Amino acid sequence: MNADGWLADTRASYDTVAVSYAEQTREALLGAPYLRAVLALFADLVHAAGGGPVADVGCGPGVVAAHLHRLGVDVFGIDLSPVMIDVARRDQPHLRFEVGSMTDLDLADASVAGLLAFWSLIHVPDDAVPAVLGHFRRALRPGGPLLLGFHVGDESRLKTQGYGGHPMKVVVHRRQPGQVAAWLRAAGFAVEAQMLIDPDGSLPGAVIFARRPAR
């Protein structure tokens, strides 16, 4: 599938489910102590690096961005779906949200102090991931932290129905942390830590902390 095809399908799918997605995930972090701890650590790393604007790329309805804001992070959100951005602006009117794509990230070089993609790389095909990570590195300031969250596994599957029973057409990619770490190193990041989330569950996840080197 070409880039325009999967991007268009992803955009249309999340436009369709945006309202239901927001309703179902609004309190998601309340029952996720390990993810809250991960986000707190990321906030600490941003502050320790001197602070500044942080991009939540693939922000959805802004739940993670709002949590980081409460931790004192100067965060803004970017998402491919215009309807998802409308929902984020409605639910988090005190924060800034923009429509954009991680495949053509409209951020100036070295313009953000930190960047996270929290379960938003899961629809990006393998052959497009290196270019996306290149955009992330370009946008980060030297020394800035990067946080990735993703599904763990060895398969990709087509998702045809989603939140609220609405139709979707997105491929969900599960990946091994070692593969993601290798992509990060190839893109010029220093990998600092990784953790499995619910490794014995039906849909395990992982988070990786990396950093654009200071030099």
Protein backbone atom coordinates (compact mmCIF):
# COMPACT_ATOMS: atom_id res chain seq x y z
CA MET A 1 0.00 0.00 0.00
CA ASN A 2 1.37 3.40 -0.90
CA ALA A 3 1.83 6.15 1.66
CA ASP A 4 -1.17 8.13 0.51
CA GLY A 5 -3.33 5.00 0.82
CA TRP A 6 -2.55 4.03 4.39
CA LEU A 7 -2.44 7.63 5.56
CA ALA A 8 -5.83 8.36 4.01
CA ASP A 9 -7.31 5.20 5.54
CA THR A 10 -5.89 6.03 8.96
CA ARG A 11 -7.16 9.61 8.82
CA ALA A 12 -10.64 8.57 7.71
CA SER A 13 -10.83 5.79 10.30
CA TYR A 14 -9.96 8.04 13.22
CA ASP A 15 -12.23 10.79 11.94
CA THR A 16 -15.02 8.20 12.12
CA VAL A 17 -14.27 6.93 15.63
CA ALA A 18 -12.95 10.13 17.22
CA VAL A 19 -15.90 10.90 19.47
CA SER A 20 -16.33 7.30 20.64
CA TYR A 21 -12.57 6.92 21.10
CA ALA A 22 -12.46 9.97 23.34
CA GLU A 23 -15.36 8.72 25.44
CA GLN A 24 -13.78 5.29 25.92
CA THR A 25 -10.25 6.48 26.69
CA ARG A 26 -10.92 9.60 28.76
CA GLU A 27 -10.09 7.84 32.05
CA ALA A 28 -7.62 5.31 30.63
CA LEU A 29 -4.62 6.57 32.57
CA LEU A 30 -6.42 6.22 35.90
CA GLY A 31 -6.12 2.44 35.64
CA ALA A 32 -2.60 2.45 34.22
CA PRO A 33 -0.13 3.12 37.06
CA TYR A 34 2.90 2.02 35.08
CA LEU A 35 2.07 4.33 32.19
CA ARG A 36 1.56 7.21 34.61
CA ALA A 37 4.99 6.44 36.06
CA VAL A 38 6.49 6.40 32.55
CA LEU A 39 4.95 9.78 31.78
CA ALA A 40 6.18 11.20 35.10
CA LEU A 41 9.71 10.05 34.27
CA PHE A 42 9.46 11.58 30.81
CA ALA A 43 8.32 14.88 32.36
CA ASP A 44 11.28 14.77 34.75
CA LEU A 45 13.67 14.18 31.84
CA VAL A 46 12.23 17.15 29.94
CA HIS A 47 12.61 19.39 32.99
CA ALA A 48 16.15 18.13 33.63
CA ALA A 49 17.10 18.94 30.03
CA GLY A 50 16.05 22.57 30.54
CA GLY A 51 12.36 22.43 29.63
CA GLY A 52 10.63 23.92 26.64
CA PRO A 53 7.90 22.87 24.21
CA VAL A 54 7.12 19.17 23.92
CA ALA A 55 5.31 17.56 20.98
CA ASP A 56 2.81 14.75 21.54
CA VAL A 57 2.75 13.28 18.02
CA GLY A 58 -0.37 11.25 17.33
CA CYS A 59 -2.04 12.85 20.33
CA GLY A 60 -5.59 11.65 19.68
CA PRO A 61 -8.10 13.40 21.97
CA GLY A 62 -5.34 14.86 24.13
CA VAL A 63 -5.55 12.67 27.22
CA VAL A 64 -1.78 12.15 27.47
CA ALA A 65 -1.06 15.78 26.63
CA ALA A 66 -3.39 16.91 29.41
CA HIS A 67 -1.65 14.59 31.87
CA LEU A 68 1.77 15.93 30.92
CA HIS A 69 0.46 19.49 31.26
CA ARG A 70 -0.56 18.68 34.83
CA LEU A 71 3.05 17.55 35.38
CA GLY A 72 4.29 20.98 34.34
CA VAL A 73 5.23 20.15 30.74
CA ASP A 74 4.72 22.78 28.03
CA VAL A 75 3.06 20.26 25.73
CA PHE A 76 1.17 20.58 22.46
CA GLY A 77 -0.46 17.89 20.32
CA ILE A 78 -0.34 16.87 16.67
CA ASP A 79 -2.66 14.34 15.06
CA LEU A 80 -3.45 13.16 11.54
CA SER A 81 -7.22 13.23 12.14
CA PRO A 82 -8.93 16.65 11.93
CA VAL A 83 -11.94 15.35 13.86
CA MET A 84 -9.69 14.00 16.60
CA ILE A 85 -8.06 17.41 16.83
CA ASP A 86 -11.50 19.03 17.11
CA VAL A 87 -12.29 16.69 20.02
CA ALA A 88 -8.95 17.44 21.69
CA ARG A 89 -9.56 21.18 21.40
CA ARG A 90 -13.04 20.71 22.84
CA ASP A 91 -11.88 18.58 25.77
CA GLN A 92 -8.59 20.39 26.48
CA PRO A 93 -9.24 24.03 25.49
CA HIS A 94 -6.23 25.24 27.48
CA LEU A 95 -3.80 23.33 25.23
CA ARG A 96 -2.68 23.73 21.62
CA PHE A 97 -3.49 21.06 19.06
CA GLU A 98 -2.66 20.95 15.36
CA VAL A 99 -3.48 18.70 12.42
CA GLY A 100 -0.34 17.13 11.02
CA SER A 101 1.39 13.92 10.00
CA MET A 102 4.46 12.31 11.52
CA THR A 103 5.48 11.29 8.01
CA ASP A 104 5.91 14.98 7.07
CA LEU A 105 6.36 16.58 10.47
CA ASP A 106 5.86 20.33 10.25
CA LEU A 107 8.21 21.27 13.08
CA ALA A 108 11.32 23.38 12.70
CA ASP A 109 14.71 21.77 13.24
CA ALA A 110 15.68 21.47 16.92
CA SER A 111 12.45 23.23 17.94
CA VAL A 112 11.14 20.91 20.68
CA ALA A 113 12.62 20.00 24.04
CA GLY A 114 10.98 16.57 24.04
CA LEU A 115 8.79 14.40 21.85
CA LEU A 116 6.58 11.41 22.46
CA ALA A 117 4.65 9.06 20.21
CA PHE A 118 2.47 7.05 22.57
CA TRP A 119 0.97 4.13 20.66
CA SER A 120 0.78 6.27 17.52
CA LEU A 121 3.45 4.47 15.48
CA ILE A 122 1.29 1.35 15.42
CA HIS A 123 -0.28 2.16 12.03
CA VAL A 124 2.97 3.19 10.31
CA PRO A 125 4.33 0.51 7.95
CA ASP A 126 7.82 -0.82 8.64
CA ASP A 127 9.31 0.82 5.58
CA ALA A 128 8.05 4.25 6.67
CA VAL A 129 9.27 4.07 10.30
CA PRO A 130 12.90 5.11 9.65
CA ALA A 131 11.82 8.33 7.91
CA VAL A 132 9.39 9.10 10.75
CA LEU A 133 12.14 8.63 13.34
CA GLY A 134 14.36 10.88 11.21
CA HIS A 135 11.74 13.61 11.50
CA PHE A 136 11.60 13.08 15.26
CA ARG A 137 15.37 13.45 15.59
CA ARG A 138 15.43 16.53 13.36
CA ALA A 139 12.73 18.27 15.41
CA LEU A 140 14.30 17.47 18.79
CA ARG A 141 16.86 19.72 20.35
CA PRO A 142 20.24 18.11 21.01
CA GLY A 143 19.93 16.33 24.35
CA GLY A 144 16.13 16.16 24.11
CA PRO A 145 14.32 12.98 25.25
CA LEU A 146 12.07 10.83 23.08
CA LEU A 147 9.42 8.45 24.43
CA LEU A 148 7.83 5.75 22.27
CA GLY A 149 5.01 3.40 23.28
CA PHE A 150 3.81 0.55 21.07
CA HIS A 151 2.21 -2.90 20.89
CA VAL A 152 4.58 -5.86 21.23
CA GLY A 153 4.45 -8.86 18.93
CA ASP A 154 5.39 -10.23 15.55
CA GLU A 155 2.28 -9.71 13.49
CA SER A 156 0.25 -7.08 11.69
CA ARG A 157 -3.51 -7.27 11.27
CA LEU A 158 -6.21 -5.28 9.56
CA LYS A 159 -8.62 -3.62 11.97
CA THR A 160 -12.04 -3.19 10.36
CA GLN A 161 -14.15 -2.19 13.34
CA GLY A 162 -13.28 0.02 16.27
CA TYR A 163 -14.45 2.16 19.11
CA GLY A 164 -18.24 2.27 19.32
CA GLY A 165 -18.54 -0.39 16.60
CA HIS A 166 -17.68 2.08 13.85
CA PRO A 167 -15.99 0.87 10.67
CA MET A 168 -12.25 1.30 10.40
CA LYS A 169 -9.58 0.34 7.88
CA VAL A 170 -6.20 0.45 9.58
CA VAL A 171 -3.38 -2.02 9.88
CA VAL A 172 -2.17 -2.50 13.47
CA HIS A 173 1.50 -3.43 13.70
CA ARG A 174 2.94 -5.25 16.71
CA ARG A 175 6.73 -5.04 16.99
CA GLN A 176 9.51 -6.36 19.15
CA PRO A 177 11.36 -3.80 21.30
CA GLY A 178 14.68 -4.90 19.82
CA GLN A 179 13.52 -3.96 16.33
CA VAL A 180 12.27 -0.55 17.45
CA ALA A 181 15.51 0.08 19.35
CA ALA A 182 17.51 -0.84 16.25
CA TRP A 183 15.50 1.63 14.17
CA LEU A 184 16.14 4.31 16.78
CA ARG A 185 19.89 3.73 16.78
CA ALA A 186 19.96 3.78 12.99
CA ALA A 187 18.15 7.13 13.09
CA GLY A 188 20.84 8.58 15.36
CA PHE A 189 19.23 8.20 18.77
CA ALA A 190 20.85 6.91 21.93
CA VAL A 191 18.55 4.31 23.49
CA GLU A 192 18.47 4.75 27.27
CA ALA A 193 15.79 2.41 28.68
CA GLN A 194 12.93 0.12 27.75
CA MET A 195 10.15 -1.58 29.67
CA LEU A 196 7.48 -4.16 28.88
CA ILE A 197 3.90 -3.38 29.91
CA ASP A 198 1.59 -6.32 30.74
CA PRO A 199 3.96 -8.86 29.11
CA ASP A 200 1.67 -11.82 29.94
CA GLY A 201 -1.50 -10.13 28.69
CA SER A 202 -3.29 -10.51 25.39
CA LEU A 203 -1.93 -7.22 24.05
CA PRO A 204 1.45 -6.51 25.65
CA GLY A 205 3.08 -3.14 25.16
CA ALA A 206 6.50 -1.60 25.49
CA VAL A 207 7.97 1.82 26.07
CA ILE A 208 11.40 2.98 25.00
CA PHE A 209 13.22 6.07 26.22
CA ALA A 210 15.77 7.48 23.82
CA ARG A 211 17.58 10.77 23.38
CA ARG A 212 18.98 12.87 20.59
CA PRO A 213 22.66 13.05 21.56
CA ALA A 214 23.87 16.44 22.72
CA ARG A 215 26.61 16.31 20.09
